[in-house]
Amino acid sequence: QDLSLRELAGKLKLPVKYISYLINHYHNKNFRNYINQRRVNEVISKMKKGEHKNKTLLALALESGFNSKSSFNLIFKKQTGKSPSQYFKD
């Protein structure tokens, strides 16, 4: 949930600027947008695996690193172009 670029760089034992460069260069995103994309993809993957049958969508979002329902809904729509409920109805 609270992963920062500095923490990631420390865990990988690489300079912060290098991690930032790699994410920007290979994913054309800043660190925060990259992490949020990964979180959205994680929720989508869990939904496709059927994990929503035992948990709410909000529970899956929180497990994937989102801090709140509002941030999840906002970021999900920004990433996919649809709200979570619209996305999973299709």
PDB file of N, CA and C in Angstrom:
ATOM      1  N   GLN A   1       0.813  -1.200   0.000  1.00  0.00           N
ATOM      2  CA  GLN A   1       0.000   0.000   0.000  1.00  0.00           C
ATOM      3  C   GLN A   1       0.854   1.260   0.000  1.00  0.00           C
ATOM      4  N   ASP A   2       1.837   1.274   0.832  1.00  0.00           N
ATOM      5  CA  ASP A   2       2.648   2.474   0.989  1.00  0.00           C
ATOM      6  C   ASP A   2       4.019   2.373   0.336  1.00  0.00           C
ATOM      7  N   LEU A   3       4.144   1.531  -0.663  1.00  0.00           N
ATOM      8  CA  LEU A   3       5.430   1.354  -1.329  1.00  0.00           C
ATOM      9  C   LEU A   3       5.851   2.652  -2.004  1.00  0.00           C
ATOM     10  N   SER A   4       7.057   3.073  -1.707  1.00  0.00           N
ATOM     11  CA  SER A   4       7.586   4.283  -2.330  1.00  0.00           C
ATOM     12  C   SER A   4       8.731   3.900  -3.271  1.00  0.00           C
ATOM     13  N   LEU A   5       9.056   4.825  -4.127  1.00  0.00           N
ATOM     14  CA  LEU A   5      10.162   4.611  -5.051  1.00  0.00           C
ATOM     15  C   LEU A   5      11.457   4.406  -4.273  1.00  0.00           C
ATOM     16  N   ARG A   6      11.634   5.163  -3.224  1.00  0.00           N
ATOM     17  CA  ARG A   6      12.836   5.049  -2.389  1.00  0.00           C
ATOM     18  C   ARG A   6      12.923   3.662  -1.736  1.00  0.00           C
ATOM     19  N   GLU A   7      11.792   3.164  -1.226  1.00  0.00           N
ATOM     20  CA  GLU A   7      11.775   1.828  -0.623  1.00  0.00           C
ATOM     21  C   GLU A   7      12.127   0.756  -1.648  1.00  0.00           C
ATOM     22  N   LEU A   8      11.510   0.844  -2.814  1.00  0.00           N
ATOM     23  CA  LEU A   8      11.775  -0.126  -3.869  1.00  0.00           C
ATOM     24  C   LEU A   8      13.245  -0.116  -4.255  1.00  0.00           C
ATOM     25  N   ALA A   9      13.795   1.067  -4.439  1.00  0.00           N
ATOM     26  CA  ALA A   9      15.216   1.182  -4.784  1.00  0.00           C
ATOM     27  C   ALA A   9      16.093   0.564  -3.697  1.00  0.00           C
ATOM     28  N   GLY A  10      15.723   0.794  -2.448  1.00  0.00           N
ATOM     29  CA  GLY A  10      16.483   0.211  -1.341  1.00  0.00           C
ATOM     30  C   GLY A  10      16.433  -1.306  -1.344  1.00  0.00           C
ATOM     31  N   LYS A  11      15.256  -1.857  -1.590  1.00  0.00           N
ATOM     32  CA  LYS A  11      15.110  -3.317  -1.617  1.00  0.00           C
ATOM     33  C   LYS A  11      15.870  -3.935  -2.776  1.00  0.00           C
ATOM     34  N   LEU A  12      15.912  -3.215  -3.896  1.00  0.00           N
ATOM     35  CA  LEU A  12      16.627  -3.721  -5.067  1.00  0.00           C
ATOM     36  C   LEU A  12      18.112  -3.348  -5.056  1.00  0.00           C
ATOM     37  N   LYS A  13      18.480  -2.519  -4.094  1.00  0.00           N
ATOM     38  CA  LYS A  13      19.869  -2.036  -3.974  1.00  0.00           C
ATOM     39  C   LYS A  13      20.333  -1.342  -5.248  1.00  0.00           C
ATOM     40  N   LEU A  14      19.431  -0.473  -5.765  1.00  0.00           N
ATOM     41  CA  LEU A  14      19.716   0.318  -6.953  1.00  0.00           C
ATOM     42  C   LEU A  14      19.388   1.773  -6.660  1.00  0.00           C
ATOM     43  N   PRO A  15      20.009   2.698  -7.362  1.00  0.00           N
ATOM     44  CA  PRO A  15      19.707   4.114  -7.155  1.00  0.00           C
ATOM     45  C   PRO A  15      18.262   4.455  -7.540  1.00  0.00           C
ATOM     46  N   VAL A  16      17.668   5.369  -6.796  1.00  0.00           N
ATOM     47  CA  VAL A  16      16.297   5.809  -7.047  1.00  0.00           C
ATOM     48  C   VAL A  16      16.155   6.310  -8.485  1.00  0.00           C
ATOM     49  N   LYS A  17      17.103   7.113  -8.932  1.00  0.00           N
ATOM     50  CA  LYS A  17      17.020   7.668 -10.288  1.00  0.00           C
ATOM     51  C   LYS A  17      17.032   6.572 -11.355  1.00  0.00           C
ATOM     52  N   TYR A  18      17.756   5.502 -11.102  1.00  0.00           N
ATOM     53  CA  TYR A  18      17.821   4.410 -12.076  1.00  0.00           C
ATOM     54  C   TYR A  18      16.482   3.672 -12.154  1.00  0.00           C
ATOM     55  N   ILE A  19      15.879   3.388 -11.012  1.00  0.00           N
ATOM     56  CA  ILE A  19      14.564   2.735 -10.992  1.00  0.00           C
ATOM     57  C   ILE A  19      13.547   3.616 -11.713  1.00  0.00           C
ATOM     58  N   SER A  20      13.570   4.900 -11.409  1.00  0.00           N
ATOM     59  CA  SER A  20      12.657   5.844 -12.049  1.00  0.00           C
ATOM     60  C   SER A  20      12.865   5.857 -13.559  1.00  0.00           C
ATOM     61  N   TYR A  21      14.120   5.893 -13.983  1.00  0.00           N
ATOM     62  CA  TYR A  21      14.447   5.865 -15.408  1.00  0.00           C
ATOM     63  C   TYR A  21      13.886   4.604 -16.073  1.00  0.00           C
ATOM     64  N   LEU A  22      14.106   3.450 -15.448  1.00  0.00           N
ATOM     65  CA  LEU A  22      13.641   2.189 -16.037  1.00  0.00           C
ATOM     66  C   LEU A  22      12.128   2.176 -16.217  1.00  0.00           C
ATOM     67  N   ILE A  23      11.416   2.604 -15.197  1.00  0.00           N
ATOM     68  CA  ILE A  23       9.951   2.626 -15.279  1.00  0.00           C
ATOM     69  C   ILE A  23       9.498   3.602 -16.360  1.00  0.00           C
ATOM     70  N   ASN A  24      10.084   4.785 -16.370  1.00  0.00           N
ATOM     71  CA  ASN A  24       9.716   5.779 -17.382  1.00  0.00           C
ATOM     72  C   ASN A  24      10.058   5.301 -18.791  1.00  0.00           C
ATOM     73  N   HIS A  25      11.230   4.728 -18.945  1.00  0.00           N
ATOM     74  CA  HIS A  25      11.698   4.314 -20.262  1.00  0.00           C
ATOM     75  C   HIS A  25      10.905   3.118 -20.813  1.00  0.00           C
ATOM     76  N   TYR A  26      10.702   2.104 -19.990  1.00  0.00           N
ATOM     77  CA  TYR A  26      10.082   0.875 -20.474  1.00  0.00           C
ATOM     78  C   TYR A  26       8.555   0.847 -20.359  1.00  0.00           C
ATOM     79  N   HIS A  27       8.000   1.677 -19.499  1.00  0.00           N
ATOM     80  CA  HIS A  27       6.548   1.663 -19.311  1.00  0.00           C
ATOM     81  C   HIS A  27       5.902   3.003 -19.623  1.00  0.00           C
ATOM     82  N   ASN A  28       6.715   4.000 -19.916  1.00  0.00           N
ATOM     83  CA  ASN A  28       6.226   5.329 -20.278  1.00  0.00           C
ATOM     84  C   ASN A  28       5.275   5.903 -19.223  1.00  0.00           C
ATOM     85  N   LYS A  29       5.610   5.635 -17.947  1.00  0.00           N
ATOM     86  CA  LYS A  29       4.800   6.102 -16.824  1.00  0.00           C
ATOM     87  C   LYS A  29       5.735   6.497 -15.684  1.00  0.00           C
ATOM     88  N   ASN A  30       5.208   7.326 -14.795  1.00  0.00           N
ATOM     89  CA  ASN A  30       5.973   7.571 -13.582  1.00  0.00           C
ATOM     90  C   ASN A  30       5.715   6.424 -12.603  1.00  0.00           C
ATOM     91  N   PHE A  31       6.456   6.392 -11.522  1.00  0.00           N
ATOM     92  CA  PHE A  31       6.381   5.294 -10.563  1.00  0.00           C
ATOM     93  C   PHE A  31       4.969   5.109 -10.033  1.00  0.00           C
ATOM     94  N   ARG A  32       4.327   6.173  -9.593  1.00  0.00           N
ATOM     95  CA  ARG A  32       2.987   6.089  -9.000  1.00  0.00           C
ATOM     96  C   ARG A  32       1.972   5.527 -10.001  1.00  0.00           C
ATOM     97  N   ASN A  33       1.988   6.008 -11.232  1.00  0.00           N
ATOM     98  CA  ASN A  33       1.055   5.502 -12.248  1.00  0.00           C
ATOM     99  C   ASN A  33       1.337   4.039 -12.588  1.00  0.00           C
ATOM    100  N   TYR A  34       2.603   3.678 -12.603  1.00  0.00           N
ATOM    101  CA  TYR A  34       2.970   2.285 -12.862  1.00  0.00           C
ATOM    102  C   TYR A  34       2.425   1.366 -11.768  1.00  0.00           C
ATOM    103  N   ILE A  35       2.618   1.758 -10.515  1.00  0.00           N
ATOM    104  CA  ILE A  35       2.132   0.964  -9.385  1.00  0.00           C
ATOM    105  C   ILE A  35       0.613   0.856  -9.428  1.00  0.00           C
ATOM    106  N   ASN A  36      -0.060   1.964  -9.714  1.00  0.00           N
ATOM    107  CA  ASN A  36      -1.517   1.931  -9.785  1.00  0.00           C
ATOM    108  C   ASN A  36      -2.010   1.031 -10.910  1.00  0.00           C
ATOM    109  N   GLN A  37      -1.315   1.040 -12.033  1.00  0.00           N
ATOM    110  CA  GLN A  37      -1.676   0.142 -13.134  1.00  0.00           C
ATOM    111  C   GLN A  37      -1.543  -1.315 -12.688  1.00  0.00           C
ATOM    112  N   ARG A  38      -0.480  -1.611 -11.989  1.00  0.00           N
ATOM    113  CA  ARG A  38      -0.276  -2.975 -11.490  1.00  0.00           C
ATOM    114  C   ARG A  38      -1.387  -3.371 -10.522  1.00  0.00           C
ATOM    115  N   ARG A  39      -1.803  -2.423  -9.686  1.00  0.00           N
ATOM    116  CA  ARG A  39      -2.876  -2.702  -8.729  1.00  0.00           C
ATOM    117  C   ARG A  39      -4.198  -2.979  -9.447  1.00  0.00           C
ATOM    118  N   VAL A  40      -4.519  -2.170 -10.444  1.00  0.00           N
ATOM    119  CA  VAL A  40      -5.750  -2.385 -11.222  1.00  0.00           C
ATOM    120  C   VAL A  40      -5.685  -3.749 -11.899  1.00  0.00           C
ATOM    121  N   ASN A  41      -4.560  -4.073 -12.497  1.00  0.00           N
ATOM    122  CA  ASN A  41      -4.406  -5.374 -13.151  1.00  0.00           C
ATOM    123  C   ASN A  41      -4.568  -6.529 -12.159  1.00  0.00           C
ATOM    124  N   GLU A  42      -4.107  -6.328 -10.936  1.00  0.00           N
ATOM    125  CA  GLU A  42      -4.244  -7.344  -9.895  1.00  0.00           C
ATOM    126  C   GLU A  42      -5.716  -7.574  -9.552  1.00  0.00           C
ATOM    127  N   VAL A  43      -6.485  -6.506  -9.420  1.00  0.00           N
ATOM    128  CA  VAL A  43      -7.916  -6.637  -9.140  1.00  0.00           C
ATOM    129  C   VAL A  43      -8.614  -7.354 -10.291  1.00  0.00           C
ATOM    130  N   ILE A  44      -8.305  -6.961 -11.509  1.00  0.00           N
ATOM    131  CA  ILE A  44      -8.920  -7.607 -12.679  1.00  0.00           C
ATOM    132  C   ILE A  44      -8.579  -9.097 -12.702  1.00  0.00           C
ATOM    133  N   SER A  45      -7.343  -9.426 -12.419  1.00  0.00           N
ATOM    134  CA  SER A  45      -6.922 -10.826 -12.399  1.00  0.00           C
ATOM    135  C   SER A  45      -7.672 -11.616 -11.331  1.00  0.00           C
ATOM    136  N   LYS A  46      -7.816 -11.035 -10.147  1.00  0.00           N
ATOM    137  CA  LYS A  46      -8.538 -11.711  -9.064  1.00  0.00           C
ATOM    138  C   LYS A  46     -10.003 -11.917  -9.427  1.00  0.00           C
ATOM    139  N   MET A  47     -10.588 -10.931 -10.087  1.00  0.00           N
ATOM    140  CA  MET A  47     -11.985 -11.058 -10.501  1.00  0.00           C
ATOM    141  C   MET A  47     -12.132 -12.192 -11.523  1.00  0.00           C
ATOM    142  N   LYS A  48     -11.216 -12.261 -12.469  1.00  0.00           N
ATOM    143  CA  LYS A  48     -11.284 -13.300 -13.499  1.00  0.00           C
ATOM    144  C   LYS A  48     -11.081 -14.696 -12.922  1.00  0.00           C
ATOM    145  N   LYS A  49     -10.307 -14.767 -11.825  1.00  0.00           N
ATOM    146  CA  LYS A  49     -10.069 -16.058 -11.166  1.00  0.00           C
ATOM    147  C   LYS A  49     -11.238 -16.469 -10.278  1.00  0.00           C
ATOM    148  N   GLY A  50     -12.221 -15.580 -10.134  1.00  0.00           N
ATOM    149  CA  GLY A  50     -13.394 -15.907  -9.336  1.00  0.00           C
ATOM    150  C   GLY A  50     -13.271 -15.589  -7.867  1.00  0.00           C
ATOM    151  N   GLU A  51     -12.237 -14.855  -7.483  1.00  0.00           N
ATOM    152  CA  GLU A  51     -12.043 -14.536  -6.072  1.00  0.00           C
ATOM    153  C   GLU A  51     -13.130 -13.615  -5.527  1.00  0.00           C
ATOM    154  N   HIS A  52     -13.871 -12.968  -6.427  1.00  0.00           N
ATOM    155  CA  HIS A  52     -14.937 -12.068  -5.987  1.00  0.00           C
ATOM    156  C   HIS A  52     -16.122 -12.833  -5.407  1.00  0.00           C
ATOM    157  N   LYS A  53     -16.159 -14.120  -5.599  1.00  0.00           N
ATOM    158  CA  LYS A  53     -17.271 -14.917  -5.067  1.00  0.00           C
ATOM    159  C   LYS A  53     -17.202 -15.004  -3.547  1.00  0.00           C
ATOM    160  N   ASN A  54     -16.001 -14.907  -3.007  1.00  0.00           N
ATOM    161  CA  ASN A  54     -15.818 -14.992  -1.561  1.00  0.00           C
ATOM    162  C   ASN A  54     -15.510 -13.637  -0.930  1.00  0.00           C
ATOM    163  N   LYS A  55     -15.237 -12.646  -1.737  1.00  0.00           N
ATOM    164  CA  LYS A  55     -14.857 -11.324  -1.233  1.00  0.00           C
ATOM    165  C   LYS A  55     -15.540 -10.256  -2.064  1.00  0.00           C
ATOM    166  N   THR A  56     -15.687  -9.102  -1.473  1.00  0.00           N
ATOM    167  CA  THR A  56     -16.253  -7.976  -2.220  1.00  0.00           C
ATOM    168  C   THR A  56     -15.187  -7.385  -3.132  1.00  0.00           C
ATOM    169  N   LEU A  57     -15.640  -6.629  -4.087  1.00  0.00           N
ATOM    170  CA  LEU A  57     -14.716  -5.933  -4.976  1.00  0.00           C
ATOM    171  C   LEU A  57     -13.831  -4.983  -4.169  1.00  0.00           C
ATOM    172  N   LEU A  58     -14.413  -4.326  -3.180  1.00  0.00           N
ATOM    173  CA  LEU A  58     -13.632  -3.425  -2.330  1.00  0.00           C
ATOM    174  C   LEU A  58     -12.554  -4.190  -1.573  1.00  0.00           C
ATOM    175  N   ALA A  59     -12.871  -5.354  -1.073  1.00  0.00           N
ATOM    176  CA  ALA A  59     -11.876  -6.166  -0.369  1.00  0.00           C
ATOM    177  C   ALA A  59     -10.720  -6.520  -1.296  1.00  0.00           C
ATOM    178  N   LEU A  60     -11.036  -6.886  -2.531  1.00  0.00           N
ATOM    179  CA  LEU A  60      -9.986  -7.203  -3.506  1.00  0.00           C
ATOM    180  C   LEU A  60      -9.132  -5.976  -3.802  1.00  0.00           C
ATOM    181  N   ALA A  61      -9.780  -4.811  -3.893  1.00  0.00           N
ATOM    182  CA  ALA A  61      -9.049  -3.572  -4.152  1.00  0.00           C
ATOM    183  C   ALA A  61      -8.108  -3.249  -2.997  1.00  0.00           C
ATOM    184  N   LEU A  62      -8.586  -3.394  -1.775  1.00  0.00           N
ATOM    185  CA  LEU A  62      -7.741  -3.115  -0.613  1.00  0.00           C
ATOM    186  C   LEU A  62      -6.582  -4.100  -0.526  1.00  0.00           C
ATOM    187  N   GLU A  63      -6.835  -5.364  -0.829  1.00  0.00           N
ATOM    188  CA  GLU A  63      -5.770  -6.378  -0.855  1.00  0.00           C
ATOM    189  C   GLU A  63      -4.714  -6.057  -1.907  1.00  0.00           C
ATOM    190  N   SER A  64      -5.139  -5.406  -2.968  1.00  0.00           N
ATOM    191  CA  SER A  64      -4.230  -5.087  -4.074  1.00  0.00           C
ATOM    192  C   SER A  64      -3.459  -3.789  -3.844  1.00  0.00           C
ATOM    193  N   GLY A  65      -3.706  -3.125  -2.733  1.00  0.00           N
ATOM    194  CA  GLY A  65      -2.897  -1.964  -2.381  1.00  0.00           C
ATOM    195  C   GLY A  65      -3.599  -0.622  -2.416  1.00  0.00           C
ATOM    196  N   PHE A  66      -4.870  -0.593  -2.760  1.00  0.00           N
ATOM    197  CA  PHE A  66      -5.583   0.687  -2.748  1.00  0.00           C
ATOM    198  C   PHE A  66      -5.922   1.062  -1.312  1.00  0.00           C
ATOM    199  N   ASN A  67      -5.946   2.366  -1.041  1.00  0.00           N
ATOM    200  CA  ASN A  67      -6.201   2.853   0.310  1.00  0.00           C
ATOM    201  C   ASN A  67      -7.674   3.054   0.617  1.00  0.00           C
ATOM    202  N   SER A  68      -8.485   3.270  -0.418  1.00  0.00           N
ATOM    203  CA  SER A  68      -9.895   3.563  -0.189  1.00  0.00           C
ATOM    204  C   SER A  68     -10.713   3.216  -1.427  1.00  0.00           C
ATOM    205  N   LYS A  69     -12.009   3.149  -1.234  1.00  0.00           N
ATOM    206  CA  LYS A  69     -12.927   2.876  -2.337  1.00  0.00           C
ATOM    207  C   LYS A  69     -12.880   3.996  -3.362  1.00  0.00           C
ATOM    208  N   SER A  70     -12.832   5.242  -2.886  1.00  0.00           N
ATOM    209  CA  SER A  70     -12.840   6.376  -3.818  1.00  0.00           C
ATOM    210  C   SER A  70     -11.578   6.404  -4.675  1.00  0.00           C
ATOM    211  N   SER A  71     -10.409   6.148  -4.077  1.00  0.00           N
ATOM    212  CA  SER A  71      -9.183   6.140  -4.881  1.00  0.00           C
ATOM    213  C   SER A  71      -9.185   4.969  -5.860  1.00  0.00           C
ATOM    214  N   PHE A  72      -9.688   3.822  -5.430  1.00  0.00           N
ATOM    215  CA  PHE A  72      -9.790   2.666  -6.317  1.00  0.00           C
ATOM    216  C   PHE A  72     -10.680   2.990  -7.516  1.00  0.00           C
ATOM    217  N   ASN A  73     -11.879   3.522  -7.249  1.00  0.00           N
ATOM    218  CA  ASN A  73     -12.806   3.829  -8.345  1.00  0.00           C
ATOM    219  C   ASN A  73     -12.217   4.847  -9.308  1.00  0.00           C
ATOM    220  N   LEU A  74     -11.602   5.887  -8.785  1.00  0.00           N
ATOM    221  CA  LEU A  74     -11.005   6.940  -9.615  1.00  0.00           C
ATOM    222  C   LEU A  74      -9.873   6.390 -10.484  1.00  0.00           C
ATOM    223  N   ILE A  75      -8.969   5.667  -9.877  1.00  0.00           N
ATOM    224  CA  ILE A  75      -7.809   5.133 -10.605  1.00  0.00           C
ATOM    225  C   ILE A  75      -8.232   4.040 -11.582  1.00  0.00           C
ATOM    226  N   PHE A  76      -9.177   3.192 -11.179  1.00  0.00           N
ATOM    227  CA  PHE A  76      -9.661   2.133 -12.071  1.00  0.00           C
ATOM    228  C   PHE A  76     -10.252   2.744 -13.331  1.00  0.00           C
ATOM    229  N   LYS A  77     -11.089   3.765 -13.159  1.00  0.00           N
ATOM    230  CA  LYS A  77     -11.720   4.402 -14.326  1.00  0.00           C
ATOM    231  C   LYS A  77     -10.676   5.097 -15.193  1.00  0.00           C
ATOM    232  N   LYS A  78      -9.697   5.716 -14.570  1.00  0.00           N
ATOM    233  CA  LYS A  78      -8.634   6.390 -15.331  1.00  0.00           C
ATOM    234  C   LYS A  78      -7.851   5.369 -16.160  1.00  0.00           C
ATOM    235  N   GLN A  79      -7.606   4.191 -15.605  1.00  0.00           N
ATOM    236  CA  GLN A  79      -6.820   3.162 -16.288  1.00  0.00           C
ATOM    237  C   GLN A  79      -7.613   2.434 -17.378  1.00  0.00           C
ATOM    238  N   THR A  80      -8.901   2.167 -17.117  1.00  0.00           N
ATOM    239  CA  THR A  80      -9.669   1.315 -18.031  1.00  0.00           C
ATOM    240  C   THR A  80     -10.702   2.070 -18.861  1.00  0.00           C
ATOM    241  N   GLY A  81     -11.032   3.285 -18.442  1.00  0.00           N
ATOM    242  CA  GLY A  81     -12.064   4.048 -19.131  1.00  0.00           C
ATOM    243  C   GLY A  81     -13.465   3.725 -18.648  1.00  0.00           C
ATOM    244  N   LYS A  82     -13.577   2.812 -17.678  1.00  0.00           N
ATOM    245  CA  LYS A  82     -14.875   2.417 -17.134  1.00  0.00           C
ATOM    246  C   LYS A  82     -14.774   2.324 -15.615  1.00  0.00           C
ATOM    247  N   SER A  83     -15.915   2.505 -14.963  1.00  0.00           N
ATOM    248  CA  SER A  83     -15.945   2.271 -13.516  1.00  0.00           C
ATOM    249  C   SER A  83     -15.790   0.769 -13.286  1.00  0.00           C
ATOM    250  N   PRO A  84     -15.393   0.350 -12.096  1.00  0.00           N
ATOM    251  CA  PRO A  84     -15.266  -1.089 -11.850  1.00  0.00           C
ATOM    252  C   PRO A  84     -16.569  -1.851 -12.128  1.00  0.00           C
ATOM    253  N   SER A  85     -17.705  -1.301 -11.706  1.00  0.00           N
ATOM    254  CA  SER A  85     -18.966  -2.004 -11.937  1.00  0.00           C
ATOM    255  C   SER A  85     -19.282  -2.109 -13.429  1.00  0.00           C
ATOM    256  N   GLN A  86     -19.026  -1.055 -14.193  1.00  0.00           N
ATOM    257  CA  GLN A  86     -19.238  -1.110 -15.649  1.00  0.00           C
ATOM    258  C   GLN A  86     -18.315  -2.129 -16.286  1.00  0.00           C
ATOM    259  N   TYR A  87     -17.060  -2.114 -15.872  1.00  0.00           N
ATOM    260  CA  TYR A  87     -16.052  -3.003 -16.450  1.00  0.00           C
ATOM    261  C   TYR A  87     -16.439  -4.469 -16.263  1.00  0.00           C
ATOM    262  N   PHE A  88     -16.890  -4.819 -15.073  1.00  0.00           N
ATOM    263  CA  PHE A  88     -17.177  -6.223 -14.795  1.00  0.00           C
ATOM    264  C   PHE A  88     -18.561  -6.664 -15.227  1.00  0.00           C
ATOM    265  N   LYS A  89     -19.403  -5.719 -15.642  1.00  0.00           N
ATOM    266  CA  LYS A  89     -20.695  -6.092 -16.232  1.00  0.00           C
ATOM    267  C   LYS A  89     -20.518  -6.563 -17.656  1.00  0.00           C
ATOM    268  N   ASP A  90     -19.518  -6.011 -18.351  1.00  0.00           N
ATOM    269  CA  ASP A  90     -19.278  -6.328 -19.771  1.00  0.00           C
ATOM    270  C   ASP A  90     -18.708  -7.705 -19.978  1.00  0.00           C
TER     271      ASP A  90
END
